[in-house]
Amino acid sequence: MCGHRVALKYEICFPNGCFASMDVNAEFVTKLKKSQTITIQALQMGGRTLNFQLPAKDFAKAYDGPASDPNVVAAERQKLAEELQKLAQKKLEERGGQPGQAAPAAAPAAPAGK
């Protein structure tokens, strides 16, 4: 963010991950608007550093632009869900399966030795 760093401390940790948060004010948003990339850096439990780079060049346009029409968003999600369903069906058919078909039953266990 224009060379600015914000250090956050983990607030709480669970077995699947830790969480940190911060208050975002107008100054922070102004800096984001001028940024080209945002790098989020986190530490794994073993101390290994993870970096996630996010593009920010269009942040100002998205932030200041018009809101998305909820009906358009819902329609796009529905279309995506339908496309994913068709793809899943195609993959299932390629493997010779049928929708709703149960997995093959496990072979019966061998009798216990005497």
PDB file of N, CA and C in Angstrom:
ATOM      1  N   MET A   1       0.845  -1.174   0.000  1.00  0.00           N
ATOM      2  CA  MET A   1       0.000   0.000   0.000  1.00  0.00           C
ATOM      3  C   MET A   1       0.888   1.234   0.000  1.00  0.00           C
ATOM      4  N   CYS A   2       1.375   1.592  -1.143  1.00  0.00           N
ATOM      5  CA  CYS A   2       2.271   2.745  -1.283  1.00  0.00           C
ATOM      6  C   CYS A   2       3.445   2.638  -0.324  1.00  0.00           C
ATOM      7  N   GLY A   3       3.910   1.438  -0.052  1.00  0.00           N
ATOM      8  CA  GLY A   3       5.027   1.248   0.857  1.00  0.00           C
ATOM      9  C   GLY A   3       4.654   1.335   2.318  1.00  0.00           C
ATOM     10  N   HIS A   4       3.400   1.504   2.633  1.00  0.00           N
ATOM     11  CA  HIS A   4       2.958   1.587   4.023  1.00  0.00           C
ATOM     12  C   HIS A   4       2.700   0.186   4.558  1.00  0.00           C
ATOM     13  N   ARG A   5       3.051  -0.003   5.814  1.00  0.00           N
ATOM     14  CA  ARG A   5       2.812  -1.293   6.455  1.00  0.00           C
ATOM     15  C   ARG A   5       1.893  -1.102   7.636  1.00  0.00           C
ATOM     16  N   VAL A   6       1.031  -2.059   7.813  1.00  0.00           N
ATOM     17  CA  VAL A   6       0.143  -2.073   8.968  1.00  0.00           C
ATOM     18  C   VAL A   6       0.328  -3.430   9.623  1.00  0.00           C
ATOM     19  N   ALA A   7       0.814  -3.436  10.840  1.00  0.00           N
ATOM     20  CA  ALA A   7       1.016  -4.693  11.566  1.00  0.00           C
ATOM     21  C   ALA A   7      -0.199  -4.962  12.443  1.00  0.00           C
ATOM     22  N   LEU A   8      -0.715  -6.161  12.335  1.00  0.00           N
ATOM     23  CA  LEU A   8      -1.862  -6.563  13.141  1.00  0.00           C
ATOM     24  C   LEU A   8      -1.462  -7.738  14.019  1.00  0.00           C
ATOM     25  N   LYS A   9      -2.029  -7.784  15.189  1.00  0.00           N
ATOM     26  CA  LYS A   9      -1.795  -8.920  16.078  1.00  0.00           C
ATOM     27  C   LYS A   9      -3.000  -9.842  15.990  1.00  0.00           C
ATOM     28  N   TYR A  10      -2.720 -11.134  16.076  1.00  0.00           N
ATOM     29  CA  TYR A  10      -3.816 -12.097  16.082  1.00  0.00           C
ATOM     30  C   TYR A  10      -4.677 -11.854  17.307  1.00  0.00           C
ATOM     31  N   GLU A  11      -5.964 -11.811  17.097  1.00  0.00           N
ATOM     32  CA  GLU A  11      -6.907 -11.607  18.194  1.00  0.00           C
ATOM     33  C   GLU A  11      -7.335 -12.922  18.818  1.00  0.00           C
ATOM     34  N   ILE A  12      -7.492 -13.925  17.963  1.00  0.00           N
ATOM     35  CA  ILE A  12      -7.926 -15.231  18.447  1.00  0.00           C
ATOM     36  C   ILE A  12      -7.460 -16.289  17.458  1.00  0.00           C
ATOM     37  N   CYS A  13      -7.143 -17.449  17.967  1.00  0.00           N
ATOM     38  CA  CYS A  13      -6.720 -18.553  17.108  1.00  0.00           C
ATOM     39  C   CYS A  13      -7.561 -19.791  17.390  1.00  0.00           C
ATOM     40  N   PHE A  14      -7.845 -20.516  16.336  1.00  0.00           N
ATOM     41  CA  PHE A  14      -8.551 -21.788  16.393  1.00  0.00           C
ATOM     42  C   PHE A  14      -7.670 -22.818  15.701  1.00  0.00           C
ATOM     43  N   PRO A  15      -8.006 -24.090  15.786  1.00  0.00           N
ATOM     44  CA  PRO A  15      -7.177 -25.102  15.114  1.00  0.00           C
ATOM     45  C   PRO A  15      -7.041 -24.873  13.606  1.00  0.00           C
ATOM     46  N   ASN A  16      -8.039 -24.266  12.985  1.00  0.00           N
ATOM     47  CA  ASN A  16      -7.986 -24.066  11.534  1.00  0.00           C
ATOM     48  C   ASN A  16      -7.453 -22.700  11.115  1.00  0.00           C
ATOM     49  N   GLY A  17      -7.109 -21.826  12.049  1.00  0.00           N
ATOM     50  CA  GLY A  17      -6.551 -20.536  11.670  1.00  0.00           C
ATOM     51  C   GLY A  17      -6.713 -19.472  12.729  1.00  0.00           C
ATOM     52  N   CYS A  18      -6.008 -18.376  12.520  1.00  0.00           N
ATOM     53  CA  CYS A  18      -6.044 -17.248  13.447  1.00  0.00           C
ATOM     54  C   CYS A  18      -6.673 -16.043  12.743  1.00  0.00           C
ATOM     55  N   PHE A  19      -7.179 -15.128  13.536  1.00  0.00           N
ATOM     56  CA  PHE A  19      -7.881 -13.973  12.992  1.00  0.00           C
ATOM     57  C   PHE A  19      -7.330 -12.683  13.576  1.00  0.00           C
ATOM     58  N   ALA A  20      -7.258 -11.673  12.722  1.00  0.00           N
ATOM     59  CA  ALA A  20      -6.865 -10.329  13.130  1.00  0.00           C
ATOM     60  C   ALA A  20      -7.817  -9.365  12.433  1.00  0.00           C
ATOM     61  N   SER A  21      -8.016  -8.211  13.021  1.00  0.00           N
ATOM     62  CA  SER A  21      -8.877  -7.218  12.384  1.00  0.00           C
ATOM     63  C   SER A  21      -8.335  -5.829  12.670  1.00  0.00           C
ATOM     64  N   MET A  22      -8.883  -4.865  11.964  1.00  0.00           N
ATOM     65  CA  MET A  22      -8.471  -3.481  12.173  1.00  0.00           C
ATOM     66  C   MET A  22      -9.618  -2.565  11.784  1.00  0.00           C
ATOM     67  N   ASP A  23      -9.599  -1.369  12.320  1.00  0.00           N
ATOM     68  CA  ASP A  23     -10.557  -0.349  11.923  1.00  0.00           C
ATOM     69  C   ASP A  23     -10.029   0.325  10.665  1.00  0.00           C
ATOM     70  N   VAL A  24     -10.892   0.543   9.715  1.00  0.00           N
ATOM     71  CA  VAL A  24     -10.513   1.198   8.463  1.00  0.00           C
ATOM     72  C   VAL A  24     -11.122   2.591   8.466  1.00  0.00           C
ATOM     73  N   ASN A  25     -10.252   3.598   8.356  1.00  0.00           N
ATOM     74  CA  ASN A  25     -10.723   4.984   8.347  1.00  0.00           C
ATOM     75  C   ASN A  25     -10.521   5.589   6.952  1.00  0.00           C
ATOM     76  N   ALA A  26     -10.908   6.839   6.797  1.00  0.00           N
ATOM     77  CA  ALA A  26     -10.815   7.518   5.499  1.00  0.00           C
ATOM     78  C   ALA A  26      -9.373   7.591   5.002  1.00  0.00           C
ATOM     79  N   GLU A  27      -8.424   7.804   5.905  1.00  0.00           N
ATOM     80  CA  GLU A  27      -7.010   7.878   5.510  1.00  0.00           C
ATOM     81  C   GLU A  27      -6.553   6.547   4.911  1.00  0.00           C
ATOM     82  N   PHE A  28      -6.957   5.454   5.525  1.00  0.00           N
ATOM     83  CA  PHE A  28      -6.590   4.129   5.027  1.00  0.00           C
ATOM     84  C   PHE A  28      -7.184   3.896   3.635  1.00  0.00           C
ATOM     85  N   VAL A  29      -8.443   4.268   3.452  1.00  0.00           N
ATOM     86  CA  VAL A  29      -9.104   4.107   2.153  1.00  0.00           C
ATOM     87  C   VAL A  29      -8.398   4.950   1.094  1.00  0.00           C
ATOM     88  N   THR A  30      -7.997   6.164   1.439  1.00  0.00           N
ATOM     89  CA  THR A  30      -7.270   7.029   0.503  1.00  0.00           C
ATOM     90  C   THR A  30      -5.971   6.364   0.066  1.00  0.00           C
ATOM     91  N   LYS A  31      -5.263   5.749   1.001  1.00  0.00           N
ATOM     92  CA  LYS A  31      -4.018   5.045   0.656  1.00  0.00           C
ATOM     93  C   LYS A  31      -4.301   3.851  -0.249  1.00  0.00           C
ATOM     94  N   LEU A  32      -5.381   3.130   0.030  1.00  0.00           N
ATOM     95  CA  LEU A  32      -5.747   1.997  -0.827  1.00  0.00           C
ATOM     96  C   LEU A  32      -6.032   2.458  -2.250  1.00  0.00           C
ATOM     97  N   LYS A  33      -6.689   3.598  -2.380  1.00  0.00           N
ATOM     98  CA  LYS A  33      -7.037   4.124  -3.704  1.00  0.00           C
ATOM     99  C   LYS A  33      -5.797   4.439  -4.535  1.00  0.00           C
ATOM    100  N   LYS A  34      -4.694   4.750  -3.887  1.00  0.00           N
ATOM    101  CA  LYS A  34      -3.454   5.091  -4.588  1.00  0.00           C
ATOM    102  C   LYS A  34      -2.568   3.875  -4.823  1.00  0.00           C
ATOM    103  N   SER A  35      -2.949   2.739  -4.289  1.00  0.00           N
ATOM    104  CA  SER A  35      -2.124   1.530  -4.356  1.00  0.00           C
ATOM    105  C   SER A  35      -2.294   0.793  -5.674  1.00  0.00           C
ATOM    106  N   GLN A  36      -1.259   0.083  -6.059  1.00  0.00           N
ATOM    107  CA  GLN A  36      -1.309  -0.805  -7.218  1.00  0.00           C
ATOM    108  C   GLN A  36      -1.508  -2.257  -6.780  1.00  0.00           C
ATOM    109  N   THR A  37      -0.903  -2.612  -5.655  1.00  0.00           N
ATOM    110  CA  THR A  37      -1.062  -3.959  -5.099  1.00  0.00           C
ATOM    111  C   THR A  37      -1.170  -3.871  -3.584  1.00  0.00           C
ATOM    112  N   ILE A  38      -1.808  -4.871  -3.033  1.00  0.00           N
ATOM    113  CA  ILE A  38      -1.891  -5.016  -1.580  1.00  0.00           C
ATOM    114  C   ILE A  38      -1.258  -6.359  -1.267  1.00  0.00           C
ATOM    115  N   THR A  39      -0.344  -6.376  -0.336  1.00  0.00           N
ATOM    116  CA  THR A  39       0.274  -7.625   0.084  1.00  0.00           C
ATOM    117  C   THR A  39      -0.171  -7.935   1.497  1.00  0.00           C
ATOM    118  N   ILE A  40      -0.766  -9.088   1.663  1.00  0.00           N
ATOM    119  CA  ILE A  40      -1.140  -9.560   2.994  1.00  0.00           C
ATOM    120  C   ILE A  40      -0.128 -10.625   3.364  1.00  0.00           C
ATOM    121  N   GLN A  41       0.478 -10.440   4.501  1.00  0.00           N
ATOM    122  CA  GLN A  41       1.516 -11.359   4.953  1.00  0.00           C
ATOM    123  C   GLN A  41       1.067 -11.997   6.261  1.00  0.00           C
ATOM    124  N   ALA A  42       1.203 -13.305   6.342  1.00  0.00           N
ATOM    125  CA  ALA A  42       0.807 -14.027   7.549  1.00  0.00           C
ATOM    126  C   ALA A  42       1.884 -15.041   7.896  1.00  0.00           C
ATOM    127  N   LEU A  43       1.888 -15.462   9.134  1.00  0.00           N
ATOM    128  CA  LEU A  43       2.847 -16.464   9.595  1.00  0.00           C
ATOM    129  C   LEU A  43       2.126 -17.766   9.884  1.00  0.00           C
ATOM    130  N   GLN A  44       2.692 -18.857   9.375  1.00  0.00           N
ATOM    131  CA  GLN A  44       2.167 -20.168   9.716  1.00  0.00           C
ATOM    132  C   GLN A  44       2.671 -20.543  11.104  1.00  0.00           C
ATOM    133  N   MET A  45       2.079 -21.592  11.671  1.00  0.00           N
ATOM    134  CA  MET A  45       2.484 -21.993  13.018  1.00  0.00           C
ATOM    135  C   MET A  45       3.963 -22.334  13.089  1.00  0.00           C
ATOM    136  N   GLY A  46       4.527 -22.879  12.021  1.00  0.00           N
ATOM    137  CA  GLY A  46       5.940 -23.224  12.005  1.00  0.00           C
ATOM    138  C   GLY A  46       6.847 -22.028  11.793  1.00  0.00           C
ATOM    139  N   GLY A  47       6.273 -20.843  11.661  1.00  0.00           N
ATOM    140  CA  GLY A  47       7.065 -19.639  11.468  1.00  0.00           C
ATOM    141  C   GLY A  47       7.289 -19.272  10.009  1.00  0.00           C
ATOM    142  N   ARG A  48       6.800 -20.087   9.080  1.00  0.00           N
ATOM    143  CA  ARG A  48       6.958 -19.798   7.655  1.00  0.00           C
ATOM    144  C   ARG A  48       6.053 -18.630   7.265  1.00  0.00           C
ATOM    145  N   THR A  49       6.580 -17.714   6.457  1.00  0.00           N
ATOM    146  CA  THR A  49       5.833 -16.540   6.022  1.00  0.00           C
ATOM    147  C   THR A  49       5.056 -16.846   4.745  1.00  0.00           C
ATOM    148  N   LEU A  50       3.797 -16.445   4.738  1.00  0.00           N
ATOM    149  CA  LEU A  50       2.954 -16.568   3.552  1.00  0.00           C
ATOM    150  C   LEU A  50       2.632 -15.170   3.051  1.00  0.00           C
ATOM    151  N   ASN A  51       2.768 -14.945   1.750  1.00  0.00           N
ATOM    152  CA  ASN A  51       2.436 -13.657   1.144  1.00  0.00           C
ATOM    153  C   ASN A  51       1.313 -13.840   0.134  1.00  0.00           C
ATOM    154  N   PHE A  52       0.312 -12.995   0.230  1.00  0.00           N
ATOM    155  CA  PHE A  52      -0.798 -12.985  -0.712  1.00  0.00           C
ATOM    156  C   PHE A  52      -0.822 -11.610  -1.361  1.00  0.00           C
ATOM    157  N   GLN A  53      -0.634 -11.562  -2.678  1.00  0.00           N
ATOM    158  CA  GLN A  53      -0.639 -10.288  -3.396  1.00  0.00           C
ATOM    159  C   GLN A  53      -1.982 -10.115  -4.099  1.00  0.00           C
ATOM    160  N   LEU A  54      -2.621  -8.993  -3.848  1.00  0.00           N
ATOM    161  CA  LEU A  54      -3.917  -8.684  -4.442  1.00  0.00           C
ATOM    162  C   LEU A  54      -3.795  -7.438  -5.305  1.00  0.00           C
ATOM    163  N   PRO A  55      -4.349  -7.457  -6.513  1.00  0.00           N
ATOM    164  CA  PRO A  55      -4.303  -6.249  -7.337  1.00  0.00           C
ATOM    165  C   PRO A  55      -5.202  -5.172  -6.734  1.00  0.00           C
ATOM    166  N   ALA A  56      -4.720  -3.930  -6.752  1.00  0.00           N
ATOM    167  CA  ALA A  56      -5.497  -2.823  -6.174  1.00  0.00           C
ATOM    168  C   ALA A  56      -5.637  -1.654  -7.136  1.00  0.00           C
ATOM    169  N   LYS A  57      -5.157  -1.817  -8.369  1.00  0.00           N
ATOM    170  CA  LYS A  57      -5.150  -0.674  -9.291  1.00  0.00           C
ATOM    171  C   LYS A  57      -6.544  -0.145  -9.589  1.00  0.00           C
ATOM    172  N   ASP A  58      -7.568  -0.987  -9.512  1.00  0.00           N
ATOM    173  CA  ASP A  58      -8.937  -0.542  -9.778  1.00  0.00           C
ATOM    174  C   ASP A  58      -9.755  -0.361  -8.502  1.00  0.00           C
ATOM    175  N   PHE A  59      -9.080  -0.329  -7.348  1.00  0.00           N
ATOM    176  CA  PHE A  59      -9.804  -0.207  -6.082  1.00  0.00           C
ATOM    177  C   PHE A  59     -10.630   1.078  -6.042  1.00  0.00           C
ATOM    178  N   ALA A  60     -10.034   2.211  -6.426  1.00  0.00           N
ATOM    179  CA  ALA A  60     -10.750   3.494  -6.367  1.00  0.00           C
ATOM    180  C   ALA A  60     -11.988   3.465  -7.259  1.00  0.00           C
ATOM    181  N   LYS A  61     -11.852   2.902  -8.441  1.00  0.00           N
ATOM    182  CA  LYS A  61     -12.985   2.812  -9.372  1.00  0.00           C
ATOM    183  C   LYS A  61     -14.108   1.965  -8.765  1.00  0.00           C
ATOM    184  N   ALA A  62     -13.742   0.846  -8.157  1.00  0.00           N
ATOM    185  CA  ALA A  62     -14.751  -0.028  -7.548  1.00  0.00           C
ATOM    186  C   ALA A  62     -15.362   0.613  -6.305  1.00  0.00           C
ATOM    187  N   TYR A  63     -14.533   1.265  -5.507  1.00  0.00           N
ATOM    188  CA  TYR A  63     -14.999   1.864  -4.248  1.00  0.00           C
ATOM    189  C   TYR A  63     -15.922   3.055  -4.511  1.00  0.00           C
ATOM    190  N   ASP A  64     -15.521   3.903  -5.454  1.00  0.00           N
ATOM    191  CA  ASP A  64     -16.282   5.122  -5.732  1.00  0.00           C
ATOM    192  C   ASP A  64     -17.382   4.922  -6.773  1.00  0.00           C
ATOM    193  N   GLY A  65     -17.344   3.814  -7.485  1.00  0.00           N
ATOM    194  CA  GLY A  65     -18.303   3.575  -8.557  1.00  0.00           C
ATOM    195  C   GLY A  65     -19.674   3.183  -8.038  1.00  0.00           C
ATOM    196  N   PRO A  66     -20.586   2.966  -8.969  1.00  0.00           N
ATOM    197  CA  PRO A  66     -21.949   2.597  -8.574  1.00  0.00           C
ATOM    198  C   PRO A  66     -21.980   1.201  -7.954  1.00  0.00           C
ATOM    199  N   ALA A  67     -22.942   1.005  -7.084  1.00  0.00           N
ATOM    200  CA  ALA A  67     -23.116  -0.304  -6.452  1.00  0.00           C
ATOM    201  C   ALA A  67     -23.634  -1.301  -7.485  1.00  0.00           C
ATOM    202  N   SER A  68     -23.362  -2.556  -7.242  1.00  0.00           N
ATOM    203  CA  SER A  68     -23.879  -3.610  -8.121  1.00  0.00           C
ATOM    204  C   SER A  68     -25.368  -3.788  -7.877  1.00  0.00           C
ATOM    205  N   ASP A  69     -26.084  -4.059  -8.932  1.00  0.00           N
ATOM    206  CA  ASP A  69     -27.512  -4.339  -8.826  1.00  0.00           C
ATOM    207  C   ASP A  69     -27.669  -5.743  -8.241  1.00  0.00           C
ATOM    208  N   PRO A  70     -28.321  -5.879  -7.082  1.00  0.00           N
ATOM    209  CA  PRO A  70     -28.459  -7.200  -6.452  1.00  0.00           C
ATOM    210  C   PRO A  70     -29.132  -8.228  -7.357  1.00  0.00           C
ATOM    211  N   ASN A  71     -30.054  -7.790  -8.211  1.00  0.00           N
ATOM    212  CA  ASN A  71     -30.720  -8.724  -9.123  1.00  0.00           C
ATOM    213  C   ASN A  71     -29.754  -9.259 -10.169  1.00  0.00           C
ATOM    214  N   VAL A  72     -28.853  -8.402 -10.648  1.00  0.00           N
ATOM    215  CA  VAL A  72     -27.851  -8.832 -11.623  1.00  0.00           C
ATOM    216  C   VAL A  72     -26.887  -9.814 -10.964  1.00  0.00           C
ATOM    217  N   VAL A  73     -26.457  -9.508  -9.744  1.00  0.00           N
ATOM    218  CA  VAL A  73     -25.549 -10.399  -9.019  1.00  0.00           C
ATOM    219  C   VAL A  73     -26.214 -11.757  -8.803  1.00  0.00           C
ATOM    220  N   ALA A  74     -27.469 -11.763  -8.389  1.00  0.00           N
ATOM    221  CA  ALA A  74     -28.192 -13.020  -8.163  1.00  0.00           C
ATOM    222  C   ALA A  74     -28.306 -13.818  -9.460  1.00  0.00           C
ATOM    223  N   ALA A  75     -28.585 -13.139 -10.563  1.00  0.00           N
ATOM    224  CA  ALA A  75     -28.698 -13.826 -11.854  1.00  0.00           C
ATOM    225  C   ALA A  75     -27.357 -14.421 -12.272  1.00  0.00           C
ATOM    226  N   GLU A  76     -26.271 -13.688 -12.044  1.00  0.00           N
ATOM    227  CA  GLU A  76     -24.940 -14.197 -12.387  1.00  0.00           C
ATOM    228  C   GLU A  76     -24.589 -15.412 -11.539  1.00  0.00           C
ATOM    229  N   ARG A  77     -24.931 -15.373 -10.253  1.00  0.00           N
ATOM    230  CA  ARG A  77     -24.676 -16.528  -9.381  1.00  0.00           C
ATOM    231  C   ARG A  77     -25.484 -17.737  -9.830  1.00  0.00           C
ATOM    232  N   GLN A  78     -26.731 -17.515 -10.199  1.00  0.00           N
ATOM    233  CA  GLN A  78     -27.585 -18.611 -10.673  1.00  0.00           C
ATOM    234  C   GLN A  78     -27.009 -19.216 -11.944  1.00  0.00           C
ATOM    235  N   LYS A  79     -26.562 -18.362 -12.864  1.00  0.00           N
ATOM    236  CA  LYS A  79     -25.974 -18.836 -14.113  1.00  0.00           C
ATOM    237  C   LYS A  79     -24.718 -19.656 -13.834  1.00  0.00           C
ATOM    238  N   LEU A  80     -23.877 -19.177 -12.922  1.00  0.00           N
ATOM    239  CA  LEU A  80     -22.664 -19.906 -12.565  1.00  0.00           C
ATOM    240  C   LEU A  80     -23.013 -21.258 -11.950  1.00  0.00           C
ATOM    241  N   ALA A  81     -23.997 -21.281 -11.057  1.00  0.00           N
ATOM    242  CA  ALA A  81     -24.410 -22.537 -10.422  1.00  0.00           C
ATOM    243  C   ALA A  81     -24.895 -23.532 -11.478  1.00  0.00           C
ATOM    244  N   GLU A  82     -25.651 -23.055 -12.455  1.00  0.00           N
ATOM    245  CA  GLU A  82     -26.140 -23.931 -13.523  1.00  0.00           C
ATOM    246  C   GLU A  82     -24.988 -24.463 -14.369  1.00  0.00           C
ATOM    247  N   GLU A  83     -24.024 -23.605 -14.686  1.00  0.00           N
ATOM    248  CA  GLU A  83     -22.866 -24.038 -15.470  1.00  0.00           C
ATOM    249  C   GLU A  83     -22.053 -25.076 -14.708  1.00  0.00           C
ATOM    250  N   LEU A  84     -21.881 -24.868 -13.404  1.00  0.00           N
ATOM    251  CA  LEU A  84     -21.142 -25.835 -12.592  1.00  0.00           C
ATOM    252  C   LEU A  84     -21.888 -27.161 -12.508  1.00  0.00           C
ATOM    253  N   GLN A  85     -23.207 -27.102 -12.407  1.00  0.00           N
ATOM    254  CA  GLN A  85     -24.014 -28.328 -12.369  1.00  0.00           C
ATOM    255  C   GLN A  85     -23.871 -29.100 -13.676  1.00  0.00           C
ATOM    256  N   LYS A  86     -23.905 -28.391 -14.814  1.00  0.00           N
ATOM    257  CA  LYS A  86     -23.738 -29.045 -16.113  1.00  0.00           C
ATOM    258  C   LYS A  86     -22.358 -29.681 -16.225  1.00  0.00           C
ATOM    259  N   LEU A  87     -21.335 -28.970 -15.752  1.00  0.00           N
ATOM    260  CA  LEU A  87     -19.979 -29.503 -15.796  1.00  0.00           C
ATOM    261  C   LEU A  87     -19.858 -30.748 -14.924  1.00  0.00           C
ATOM    262  N   ALA A  88     -20.446 -30.707 -13.734  1.00  0.00           N
ATOM    263  CA  ALA A  88     -20.410 -31.872 -12.844  1.00  0.00           C
ATOM    264  C   ALA A  88     -21.127 -33.050 -13.488  1.00  0.00           C
ATOM    265  N   GLN A  89     -22.271 -32.793 -14.123  1.00  0.00           N
ATOM    266  CA  GLN A  89     -23.026 -33.853 -14.801  1.00  0.00           C
ATOM    267  C   GLN A  89     -22.195 -34.460 -15.922  1.00  0.00           C
ATOM    268  N   LYS A  90     -21.530 -33.608 -16.701  1.00  0.00           N
ATOM    269  CA  LYS A  90     -20.702 -34.082 -17.808  1.00  0.00           C
ATOM    270  C   LYS A  90     -19.572 -34.963 -17.289  1.00  0.00           C
ATOM    271  N   LYS A  91     -18.913 -34.535 -16.223  1.00  0.00           N
ATOM    272  CA  LYS A  91     -17.812 -35.319 -15.651  1.00  0.00           C
ATOM    273  C   LYS A  91     -18.317 -36.655 -15.131  1.00  0.00           C
ATOM    274  N   LEU A  92     -19.489 -36.651 -14.511  1.00  0.00           N
ATOM    275  CA  LEU A  92     -20.076 -37.879 -13.991  1.00  0.00           C
ATOM    276  C   LEU A  92     -20.367 -38.847 -15.133  1.00  0.00           C
ATOM    277  N   GLU A  93     -20.937 -38.335 -16.212  1.00  0.00           N
ATOM    278  CA  GLU A  93     -21.250 -39.181 -17.363  1.00  0.00           C
ATOM    279  C   GLU A  93     -19.988 -39.718 -18.019  1.00  0.00           C
ATOM    280  N   GLU A  94     -18.932 -38.914 -18.076  1.00  0.00           N
ATOM    281  CA  GLU A  94     -17.666 -39.369 -18.654  1.00  0.00           C
ATOM    282  C   GLU A  94     -17.096 -40.539 -17.865  1.00  0.00           C
ATOM    283  N   ARG A  95     -17.400 -40.584 -16.584  1.00  0.00           N
ATOM    284  CA  ARG A  95     -16.896 -41.663 -15.727  1.00  0.00           C
ATOM    285  C   ARG A  95     -17.881 -42.832 -15.652  1.00  0.00           C
ATOM    286  N   GLY A  96     -18.982 -42.734 -16.372  1.00  0.00           N
ATOM    287  CA  GLY A  96     -19.943 -43.823 -16.415  1.00  0.00           C
ATOM    288  C   GLY A  96     -20.907 -43.866 -15.256  1.00  0.00           C
ATOM    289  N   GLY A  97     -20.946 -42.853 -14.447  1.00  0.00           N
ATOM    290  CA  GLY A  97     -21.859 -42.827 -13.311  1.00  0.00           C
ATOM    291  C   GLY A  97     -23.197 -42.235 -13.691  1.00  0.00           C
ATOM    292  N   GLN A  98     -24.144 -42.371 -12.825  1.00  0.00           N
ATOM    293  CA  GLN A  98     -25.470 -41.802 -13.010  1.00  0.00           C
ATOM    294  C   GLN A  98     -25.754 -40.871 -11.844  1.00  0.00           C
ATOM    295  N   PRO A  99     -26.470 -39.786 -12.066  1.00  0.00           N
ATOM    296  CA  PRO A  99     -26.793 -38.897 -10.950  1.00  0.00           C
ATOM    297  C   PRO A  99     -27.600 -39.640  -9.895  1.00  0.00           C
ATOM    298  N   GLY A 100     -27.274 -39.410  -8.662  1.00  0.00           N
ATOM    299  CA  GLY A 100     -27.990 -40.034  -7.558  1.00  0.00           C
ATOM    300  C   GLY A 100     -27.612 -41.482  -7.335  1.00  0.00           C
ATOM    301  N   GLN A 101     -26.687 -41.993  -8.116  1.00  0.00           N
ATOM    302  CA  GLN A 101     -26.273 -43.383  -7.970  1.00  0.00           C
ATOM    303  C   GLN A 101     -25.412 -43.524  -6.726  1.00  0.00           C
ATOM    304  N   ALA A 102     -25.697 -44.523  -5.933  1.00  0.00           N
ATOM    305  CA  ALA A 102     -24.931 -44.748  -4.711  1.00  0.00           C
ATOM    306  C   ALA A 102     -23.557 -45.284  -5.062  1.00  0.00           C
ATOM    307  N   ALA A 103     -22.636 -45.041  -4.180  1.00  0.00           N
ATOM    308  CA  ALA A 103     -21.294 -45.575  -4.356  1.00  0.00           C
ATOM    309  C   ALA A 103     -21.358 -47.091  -4.248  1.00  0.00           C
ATOM    310  N   PRO A 104     -20.451 -47.810  -4.915  1.00  0.00           N
ATOM    311  CA  PRO A 104     -20.469 -49.265  -4.820  1.00  0.00           C
ATOM    312  C   PRO A 104     -20.328 -49.710  -3.369  1.00  0.00           C
ATOM    313  N   ALA A 105     -21.055 -50.783  -3.048  1.00  0.00           N
ATOM    314  CA  ALA A 105     -20.998 -51.306  -1.681  1.00  0.00           C
ATOM    315  C   ALA A 105     -19.632 -51.921  -1.433  1.00  0.00           C
ATOM    316  N   ALA A 106     -19.194 -51.829  -0.200  1.00  0.00           N
ATOM    317  CA  ALA A 106     -17.912 -52.419   0.176  1.00  0.00           C
ATOM    318  C   ALA A 106     -18.042 -53.938   0.167  1.00  0.00           C
ATOM    319  N   ALA A 107     -16.957 -54.600  -0.133  1.00  0.00           N
ATOM    320  CA  ALA A 107     -16.957 -56.067  -0.115  1.00  0.00           C
ATOM    321  C   ALA A 107     -17.192 -56.549   1.307  1.00  0.00           C
ATOM    322  N   PRO A 108     -17.887 -57.683   1.475  1.00  0.00           N
ATOM    323  CA  PRO A 108     -18.112 -58.182   2.830  1.00  0.00           C
ATOM    324  C   PRO A 108     -16.790 -58.532   3.486  1.00  0.00           C
ATOM    325  N   ALA A 109     -16.765 -58.372   4.789  1.00  0.00           N
ATOM    326  CA  ALA A 109     -15.549 -58.668   5.544  1.00  0.00           C
ATOM    327  C   ALA A 109     -15.300 -60.169   5.549  1.00  0.00           C
ATOM    328  N   ALA A 110     -14.042 -60.533   5.576  1.00  0.00           N
ATOM    329  CA  ALA A 110     -13.682 -61.952   5.643  1.00  0.00           C
ATOM    330  C   ALA A 110     -14.071 -62.502   7.011  1.00  0.00           C
ATOM    331  N   PRO A 111     -14.464 -63.782   7.081  1.00  0.00           N
ATOM    332  CA  PRO A 111     -14.813 -64.355   8.384  1.00  0.00           C
ATOM    333  C   PRO A 111     -13.602 -64.347   9.306  1.00  0.00           C
ATOM    334  N   ALA A 112     -13.881 -64.167  10.569  1.00  0.00           N
ATOM    335  CA  ALA A 112     -12.801 -64.149  11.557  1.00  0.00           C
ATOM    336  C   ALA A 112     -12.168 -65.527  11.642  1.00  0.00           C
ATOM    337  N   GLY A 113     -10.860 -65.541  11.789  1.00  0.00           N
ATOM    338  CA  GLY A 113     -10.141 -66.815  11.910  1.00  0.00           C
ATOM    339  C   GLY A 113     -10.465 -67.522  13.212  1.00  0.00           C
ATOM    340  N   LYS A 114     -10.388 -68.873  13.198  1.00  0.00           N
ATOM    341  CA  LYS A 114     -10.705 -69.655  14.402  1.00  0.00           C
ATOM    342  C   LYS A 114      -9.477 -70.099  15.095  1.00  0.00           C
TER     343      LYS A 114
END
